Protein backbone atom coordinates (compact mmCIF):
# COMPACT_ATOMS: atom_id res chain seq x y z
CA UNK A 1 101.58 73.19 113.66
CA UNK A 2 103.76 76.22 114.31
CA UNK A 3 106.20 74.29 116.43
CA UNK A 4 106.41 71.50 113.90
CA UNK A 5 107.26 73.87 111.07
CA UNK A 6 109.75 75.85 113.08
CA UNK A 7 111.60 72.65 113.99
CA UNK A 8 111.63 71.44 110.39
CA UNK A 9 115.02 71.64 108.70
CA UNK A 10 113.34 72.47 105.39
CA UNK A 11 110.65 74.97 106.39
CA UNK A 12 111.29 78.61 105.58
CA UNK A 13 108.95 81.49 106.21
CA UNK A 14 110.05 83.54 103.19
CA UNK A 15 107.78 82.04 100.46
CA UNK A 16 104.82 83.44 102.37
CA UNK A 17 105.97 87.04 102.72
CA UNK A 18 108.74 87.62 100.21
CA UNK A 19 109.93 87.13 96.68
CA UNK A 20 113.24 87.81 94.97
CA UNK A 21 113.30 89.03 91.38
CA UNK A 22 116.19 89.69 89.04
CA UNK A 23 116.36 92.49 86.45
CA UNK A 24 115.50 90.02 83.65
CA UNK A 25 112.29 89.10 85.54
CA UNK A 26 113.47 85.74 86.89
CA UNK A 27 111.70 84.92 90.15
CA UNK A 28 113.33 83.10 93.06
CA UNK A 29 112.18 82.26 96.60
CA UNK A 30 115.02 84.45 97.96
CA UNK A 31 118.49 85.72 97.01
CA UNK A 32 119.94 82.36 98.05
CA UNK A 33 117.71 80.45 95.65
CA UNK A 34 119.50 78.23 93.12
CA UNK A 35 120.35 80.52 90.18
CA UNK A 36 119.59 77.71 87.68
CA UNK A 37 116.17 77.10 89.21
CA UNK A 38 114.00 80.25 88.65
CA UNK A 39 110.40 79.65 89.61
CA UNK A 40 108.90 81.77 86.84
CA UNK A 41 109.34 85.21 85.25
CA UNK A 42 107.53 88.34 86.44
CA UNK A 43 107.22 89.59 82.87
CA UNK A 44 104.89 86.64 82.11
CA UNK A 45 102.38 87.70 84.75
CA UNK A 46 99.92 90.59 85.01
CA UNK A 47 100.64 91.27 88.68
CA UNK A 48 102.74 90.17 91.64
CA UNK A 49 99.98 88.08 93.28
CA UNK A 50 99.68 85.91 90.18
CA UNK A 51 103.45 85.48 90.23
CA UNK A 52 103.73 84.23 93.82
CA UNK A 53 100.89 81.76 93.18
CA UNK A 54 102.65 80.14 90.27
CA UNK A 55 102.36 76.30 90.49
CA UNK A 56 106.05 75.89 91.28
CA UNK A 57 105.80 78.47 94.07
CA UNK A 58 102.89 76.53 95.55
CA UNK A 59 104.90 73.32 95.22
CA UNK A 60 107.74 74.89 97.23
CA UNK A 61 105.37 75.91 100.00
CA UNK A 62 103.79 72.46 100.09
CA UNK A 63 107.19 70.77 100.29
CA UNK A 64 108.19 72.96 103.19
CA UNK A 65 104.97 72.27 105.07
CA UNK A 66 105.43 68.49 104.49
CA UNK A 67 109.06 68.60 105.62
CA UNK A 68 110.57 67.85 102.22
CA UNK A 69 113.68 69.55 100.93
CA UNK A 70 113.52 71.95 97.98
CA UNK A 71 116.12 71.97 95.18
CA UNK A 72 115.79 75.77 95.12
CA UNK A 73 117.10 75.97 98.68
CA UNK A 74 120.34 73.97 98.34
CA UNK A 75 122.60 76.93 99.30
CA UNK A 76 120.99 77.31 102.71
CA UNK A 77 121.24 73.55 103.38
CA UNK A 78 124.98 73.66 102.49
CA UNK A 79 125.63 76.66 104.73
CA UNK A 80 123.87 74.96 107.64
CA UNK A 81 125.81 71.76 107.03
CA UNK A 82 129.07 73.82 107.23
CA UNK A 83 128.05 75.13 110.67
CA UNK A 84 126.88 78.57 109.57
CA UNK A 85 123.62 80.38 110.02
CA UNK A 86 121.65 80.44 106.76
CA UNK A 87 119.12 82.90 105.44
CA UNK A 88 116.46 80.33 106.30
CA UNK A 89 117.59 80.39 109.94
CA UNK A 90 117.84 84.14 110.08
CA UNK A 91 114.43 84.73 108.47
CA UNK A 92 112.71 82.39 110.92
CA UNK A 93 113.98 84.62 113.79
CA UNK A 94 113.39 87.94 111.97
CA UNK A 95 109.77 87.25 111.11
CA UNK A 96 108.71 85.15 114.08
CA UNK A 97 106.14 87.82 114.95
CA UNK A 98 104.48 87.29 111.56
CA UNK A 99 103.68 83.61 112.03
CA UNK A 100 100.03 84.17 113.06
CA UNK A 101 99.49 86.70 110.31
CA UNK A 102 100.50 84.16 107.67
CA UNK A 103 98.31 81.29 108.86
CA UNK A 104 94.68 80.67 107.89
CA UNK A 105 91.75 80.31 110.30
CA UNK A 106 92.67 76.68 111.00
CA UNK A 107 96.23 77.65 111.95
CA UNK A 108 97.77 76.23 108.76
CA UNK A 109 100.10 77.84 106.27
CA UNK A 110 98.13 78.16 103.00
CA UNK A 111 99.57 76.75 99.80
CA UNK A 112 97.91 79.48 97.77
CA UNK A 113 98.04 83.06 99.03
CA UNK A 114 94.91 85.18 98.59
CA UNK A 115 96.27 88.44 99.97
CA UNK A 116 100.00 88.91 99.65
CA UNK A 117 101.54 91.20 102.20
CA UNK A 118 105.10 91.65 100.98
CA UNK A 119 106.93 92.24 104.25
CA UNK A 120 110.39 91.73 102.75
CA UNK A 121 111.26 93.11 99.32
CA UNK A 122 114.38 92.26 97.33
CA UNK A 123 114.06 93.23 93.68
CA UNK A 124 117.02 93.80 91.35
CA UNK A 125 115.68 96.55 89.07
CA UNK A 126 118.54 96.60 86.61
CA UNK A 127 122.05 95.37 85.93
CA UNK A 128 123.38 98.92 85.71
CA UNK A 129 126.67 99.12 87.53
CA UNK A 130 129.83 101.21 87.40
CA UNK A 131 132.21 98.28 88.02
CA UNK A 132 133.18 95.07 86.25
CA UNK A 133 133.89 92.57 89.03
CA UNK A 134 135.67 89.33 88.23
CA UNK A 135 133.39 87.25 90.47
CA UNK A 136 130.20 88.84 89.08
CA UNK A 137 128.07 88.24 85.97
CA UNK A 138 126.66 90.31 83.08
CA UNK A 139 123.25 89.73 84.68
CA UNK A 140 124.34 92.04 87.50
CA UNK A 141 126.68 94.40 85.65
CA UNK A 142 126.27 95.61 82.09
CA UNK A 143 130.00 96.43 82.07
CA UNK A 144 130.74 92.69 82.00
CA UNK A 145 128.67 92.05 78.91
CA UNK A 146 131.35 92.90 76.31
CA UNK A 147 134.11 91.39 78.47
CA UNK A 148 132.35 88.02 78.82
CA UNK A 149 131.37 88.06 75.16
CA UNK A 150 135.01 88.45 74.12
CA UNK A 151 135.90 85.62 76.49
CA UNK A 152 133.41 83.30 74.77
CA UNK A 153 131.20 83.09 77.83
CA UNK A 154 127.41 82.91 77.56
CA UNK A 155 125.93 86.38 77.89
CA UNK A 156 122.37 87.78 77.88
CA UNK A 157 121.07 89.08 74.56
CA UNK A 158 120.84 92.62 75.97
CA UNK A 159 123.71 94.48 77.53
CA UNK A 160 121.46 96.61 79.76
CA UNK A 161 118.68 94.71 81.52
CA UNK A 162 115.90 96.68 83.25
CA UNK A 163 112.81 95.30 84.98
CA UNK A 164 110.46 98.34 84.97
CA UNK A 165 108.32 96.76 87.70
CA UNK A 166 107.50 99.79 89.86
CA UNK A 167 103.77 99.76 88.94
CA UNK A 168 103.48 96.03 89.81
CA UNK A 169 105.20 96.59 93.13
CA UNK A 170 103.49 99.84 94.16
CA UNK A 171 100.34 98.19 95.63
CA UNK A 172 102.54 96.19 98.01
CA UNK A 173 104.95 98.87 99.17
CA UNK A 174 102.74 99.89 102.12
CA UNK A 175 103.24 96.44 103.71
CA UNK A 176 107.04 96.39 103.47
CA UNK A 177 108.92 96.27 106.78
CA UNK A 178 112.29 95.18 105.36
CA UNK A 179 113.86 95.88 101.98
CA UNK A 180 117.14 94.92 100.40
CA UNK A 181 118.49 97.11 97.62
CA UNK A 182 121.15 95.52 95.51
CA UNK A 183 121.91 95.44 91.82
CA UNK A 184 123.71 96.16 89.68
CA UNK A 185 124.63 99.08 91.86
CA UNK A 186 121.44 100.17 93.70
CA UNK A 187 122.60 103.77 94.21
CA UNK A 188 122.29 104.41 90.48
CA UNK A 189 118.83 102.77 90.18
CA UNK A 190 115.94 105.12 89.26
CA UNK A 191 113.33 102.76 90.80
CA UNK A 192 115.28 102.73 94.06
CA UNK A 193 114.82 106.52 94.34
CA UNK A 194 111.13 106.23 93.27
CA UNK A 195 110.52 103.85 96.14
CA UNK A 196 112.37 105.98 98.68
CA UNK A 197 110.35 108.97 97.51
CA UNK A 198 107.10 106.99 97.88
CA UNK A 199 107.91 106.09 101.49
CA UNK A 200 109.19 109.61 102.17
CA UNK A 201 105.87 111.10 101.01
CA UNK A 202 103.92 108.70 103.22
CA UNK A 203 106.22 109.20 106.20
CA UNK A 204 107.12 105.46 106.34
CA UNK A 205 110.43 106.05 108.04
CA UNK A 206 110.43 102.91 110.23
CA UNK A 207 111.21 100.55 107.35
CA UNK A 208 114.40 98.54 107.76
CA UNK A 209 116.43 99.34 104.65
CA UNK A 210 119.44 97.27 103.74
CA UNK A 211 121.84 97.99 100.90
CA UNK A 212 124.45 95.91 99.19
CA UNK A 213 126.59 98.58 97.62
CA UNK A 214 130.08 98.81 96.16
CA UNK A 215 130.48 102.17 98.04
CA UNK A 216 131.91 104.00 95.09
CA UNK A 217 129.22 106.73 94.88
CA UNK A 218 126.67 108.48 97.09
CA UNK A 219 124.97 110.64 94.44
CA UNK A 220 123.10 110.02 91.19
CA UNK A 221 121.74 112.80 88.95
CA UNK A 222 119.73 115.09 91.22
CA UNK A 223 119.60 112.57 94.06
CA UNK A 224 121.96 112.51 97.03
CA UNK A 225 121.15 109.37 98.94
CA UNK A 226 122.40 110.65 102.27
CA UNK A 227 119.55 113.19 102.25
CA UNK A 228 117.08 110.28 102.30
CA UNK A 229 119.10 108.29 104.85
CA UNK A 230 118.92 111.15 107.33
CA UNK A 231 115.12 110.65 107.50
CA UNK A 232 114.91 106.90 107.69
CA UNK A 233 115.57 105.40 111.13
CA UNK A 234 116.87 101.95 110.26
CA UNK A 235 119.52 101.87 107.52
CA UNK A 236 122.10 99.12 107.09
CA UNK A 237 124.73 98.96 104.44
CA UNK A 238 126.57 95.81 103.40
CA UNK A 239 129.67 97.33 101.80
CA UNK A 240 130.53 94.87 99.04
CA UNK A 241 134.31 95.18 99.23
CA UNK A 242 136.60 92.27 98.40
CA UNK A 243 139.97 93.83 99.15
CA UNK A 244 141.61 97.06 100.19
CA UNK A 245 144.09 99.58 98.83
CA UNK A 246 145.06 99.44 95.16
CA UNK A 247 144.45 95.68 95.07
CA UNK A 248 140.69 96.14 95.17
CA UNK A 249 140.65 97.14 91.50
CA UNK A 250 142.08 93.74 90.52
CA UNK A 251 138.84 92.04 91.56
CA UNK A 252 136.43 94.98 91.28
CA UNK A 253 137.65 96.55 88.08
CA UNK A 254 137.02 100.30 88.07
CA UNK A 255 136.98 100.70 91.88
CA UNK A 256 138.95 103.56 93.40
CA UNK A 257 140.04 102.83 96.97
CA UNK A 258 140.49 106.50 97.98
CA UNK A 259 136.95 107.35 96.85
CA UNK A 260 135.55 104.35 98.71
CA UNK A 261 137.40 105.31 101.89
CA UNK A 262 136.11 108.90 101.60
CA UNK A 263 132.51 107.67 101.15
CA UNK A 264 132.77 105.44 104.25
CA UNK A 265 133.98 108.41 106.28
CA UNK A 266 131.11 110.61 104.97
CA UNK A 267 128.54 108.04 105.98
CA UNK A 268 129.96 107.66 109.45
CA UNK A 269 130.16 111.43 109.88
CA UNK A 270 126.86 112.62 108.30
CA UNK A 271 124.62 109.67 109.10
CA UNK A 272 126.04 108.08 112.27
CA UNK A 273 122.83 106.07 112.83
CA UNK A 274 123.52 104.06 109.66
CA UNK A 275 124.95 100.63 110.42
CA UNK A 276 127.84 100.00 108.06
CA UNK A 277 128.95 96.40 107.66
CA UNK A 278 131.60 94.88 105.45
CA UNK A 279 130.39 92.11 103.15
CA UNK A 280 133.15 90.65 100.96
CA UNK A 281 132.55 87.98 98.42
CA UNK A 282 135.11 85.47 99.64
CA UNK A 283 136.60 83.49 96.76
CA UNK A 284 139.84 81.93 95.63
CA UNK A 285 140.93 85.41 94.55
CA UNK A 286 140.93 87.10 97.95
CA UNK A 287 140.84 84.46 100.71
CA UNK A 288 144.55 85.10 101.39
CA UNK A 289 143.82 88.77 102.34
CA UNK A 290 140.44 88.53 104.05
CA UNK A 291 141.68 88.40 107.63
CA UNK A 292 144.18 91.21 107.07
CA UNK A 293 141.27 93.15 105.63
CA UNK A 294 139.29 92.71 108.87
CA UNK A 295 141.96 94.40 110.95
CA UNK A 296 142.47 97.17 108.35
CA UNK A 297 138.80 98.16 108.47
CA UNK A 298 138.85 98.15 112.25
CA UNK A 299 141.90 100.40 112.50
CA UNK A 300 140.99 102.77 109.62
CA UNK A 301 137.23 103.08 110.02
CA UNK A 302 136.34 101.68 113.43
CA UNK A 303 134.38 98.75 111.93
CA UNK A 304 134.92 95.70 114.18
CA UNK A 305 134.93 92.00 113.11
CA UNK A 306 131.40 91.71 114.57
CA UNK A 307 130.19 94.06 111.83
CA UNK A 308 131.08 91.71 108.96
CA UNK A 309 128.72 89.67 106.85
CA UNK A 310 130.71 87.26 104.72
CA UNK A 311 129.31 86.14 101.39
CA UNK A 312 131.00 82.84 100.51
CA UNK A 313 131.18 82.43 96.75
CA UNK A 314 129.79 79.08 95.57
CA UNK A 315 129.39 79.73 91.83
CA UNK A 316 131.20 79.60 89.49
CA UNK A 317 132.79 76.63 91.17
CA UNK A 318 136.22 77.33 89.67
CA UNK A 319 136.44 80.46 91.84
CA UNK A 320 135.28 78.82 95.06
CA UNK A 321 137.73 78.25 97.89
CA UNK A 322 136.30 74.71 98.04
CA UNK A 323 138.24 73.93 94.88
CA UNK A 324 141.68 75.23 95.89
CA UNK A 325 144.63 72.87 96.28
CA UNK A 326 145.03 70.96 99.57
CA UNK A 327 148.19 72.99 100.25
CA UNK A 328 146.31 76.25 99.82
CA UNK A 329 143.47 75.01 102.01
CA UNK A 330 145.90 74.16 104.79
CA UNK A 331 147.09 77.79 104.71
CA UNK A 332 143.46 78.95 104.93
CA UNK A 333 142.95 76.71 107.98
CA UNK A 334 146.01 78.13 109.72
CA UNK A 335 145.00 81.73 108.94
CA UNK A 336 141.49 81.00 110.21
CA UNK A 337 142.81 79.55 113.45
CA UNK A 338 145.20 82.49 113.96
CA UNK A 339 142.30 84.88 113.38
CA UNK A 340 140.21 83.06 115.98
CA UNK A 341 143.05 83.08 118.51
CA UNK A 342 143.56 86.84 118.02
CA UNK A 343 139.89 87.45 118.66
CA UNK A 344 140.00 85.19 121.70
CA UNK A 345 142.97 87.10 123.14
CA UNK A 346 140.81 90.20 123.03
CA UNK A 347 137.94 88.48 124.80
CA UNK A 348 135.89 88.12 121.59
CA UNK A 349 134.29 85.06 120.05
CA UNK A 350 134.52 84.25 116.37
CA UNK A 351 131.43 85.69 114.58
CA UNK A 352 129.25 83.00 112.98
CA UNK A 353 129.56 84.64 109.59
CA UNK A 354 133.24 83.56 109.33
CA UNK A 355 132.64 79.89 110.26
CA UNK A 356 131.58 78.62 106.82
CA UNK A 357 135.03 79.63 105.54
CA UNK A 358 136.60 76.79 107.50
CA UNK A 359 133.84 74.35 106.60
CA UNK A 360 134.13 75.11 102.91
CA UNK A 361 137.90 75.00 102.89
CA UNK A 362 137.88 71.58 104.57
CA UNK A 363 135.38 70.18 102.09
CA UNK A 364 136.81 67.50 99.85
CA UNK A 365 137.39 68.38 96.20
CA UNK A 366 138.90 65.46 94.29
CA UNK A 367 138.74 67.44 91.04
CA UNK A 368 140.54 70.56 92.34
CA UNK A 369 143.25 70.32 89.65
CA UNK A 370 140.67 70.60 86.90
CA UNK A 371 139.11 73.61 88.59
CA UNK A 372 142.53 75.18 89.02
CA UNK A 373 143.12 74.89 85.29
CA UNK A 374 139.71 76.39 84.55
CA UNK A 375 140.32 79.24 87.01
CA UNK A 376 143.67 80.16 85.52
CA UNK A 377 142.26 80.09 82.02
CA UNK A 378 139.24 82.20 83.05
CA UNK A 379 141.43 84.85 84.70
CA UNK A 380 143.77 84.98 81.70
CA UNK A 381 140.85 85.50 79.31
CA UNK A 382 139.26 88.06 81.59
CA UNK A 383 142.40 90.21 81.73
CA UNK A 384 142.88 89.99 77.94
CA UNK A 385 139.22 91.04 77.38
CA UNK A 386 139.39 94.19 79.50
CA UNK A 387 138.93 97.37 77.47
């Protein structure tokens, strides 16, 4: 049974030990779950156990056991088809030692979970953020609410969205071995500091803590996050940076490059055990500078190409590199090949995280002209709507 599931191209271990929840309460099987396919809403349930046993959650688990694909998991399937390693692939390796724990007495994966041990936590507690990024959404930054409203885009009813789910999560915090803090900007999240304090009081310093942060701040109110990081043994940061120098503020409106650079240096100096990776959202807006950015971060901060985790934007489609012109895609292909050759000349292989860039840029897009028009119109409206 174990071998059969592990070989399945649809099976994923995450629905048995993890859930992903947005600040508005929307529940997904993971952060790669289709954004238009939420399973349910945490606010409609009395506790987390009831949530992860929602009929649609059980349907996902049954599909995976039976070898059927899930519409919620399309992103992972696309990444795998492009030659990359998906979250499904990575999770299977990361939690291989939990297989027996998740099975029932007959060695089967249960459809309904009686005791949920949340080994991996990824909850977006609010959309509070200090930046207004072009490739983001009001669901993840309240600063985009008024901008998108002026543009005529669909926006949530509330500008600030907060989950207030600490009490529902607290009974499961003792089981957590991995956590991802993202946002909004997680370093200004009150619940984030409540959770760190909970683990600090219990001495749970072995937890693998991962951040996706815009790197613009290291303090919030009375909290200085580095003081926590000094105690925890396994900290990784995905620095969500889409460009460098003054150009970064064109995509991440409000970002200050000098402040970001200073924060990176502080982390490397004061908490050298922290693994700092660069995780750009690669889109039509920055693909032409991505490879130059790699070498800049290596020379300025000592962060090599192997410490990159590329997030390839898929939605909105008008901003995806898939929908650039054939001429532009040819330039991407050449830059990609030059990047690979430069790595090869140094005795290095191309990290898997970059490979989907080529696959996506080679993908056929017969309607690219329409997307180009939409993209130009979107960017024009965005700039006009800025305060």
